[in-house]
């Protein structure tokens, strides 16, 4: 999809977006299950050869970026809210379950730069990608970084400013850098 076209659609008022969304998403590699979506101003939704799928009633606040590089796939479940300036970038796969809340300035990546060979430039060594899975009813507070290969269980809370480098079980509260479980929710 043309970046200029998506930028144009994200600058329109909400009442004018319904018809434009139908036209824009049917032309690109973005699948929308329901047209009851809210997409804020200056959002970047971009898929090269991969897919981005939005289920019903997703809300993307201003300046949210959903980027699927290469054959990456981003799947967002039903009734998700993603706050301002958050980024979800996939080279392989990122799945976000239903009813999740994602705070402002959250970064979710399923890839890293490869850096095994010290005699080559890091930028020329490519990437290492591992899927990320975020369960249902998860609250990811503001300024959190979720790294590649992480699985966050259902009904969990990730505290503000955390760096999630390993999997988090279901029904817990995790905080810190790296994120550690501090208590169970139930």
Foldseek 3Di string as FASTA:
>chain_A
DDQVLVLVLQPDDPVPNQVSVVVVCVPDQEAEQDSLEARHHPEAEEEDQAHEYEYEYEYEYPHEYEEEPDHEYEYEEYNEYAYANEYEYTPHYEYAYEPEYHEYHEYEYQKDFDDPDVVDDRVPRGIDGAYEYEYYCEYEYECEYEYHPEYEEANEYEDYNEYDDYYHYYQFYWYDDPTDTDGGND
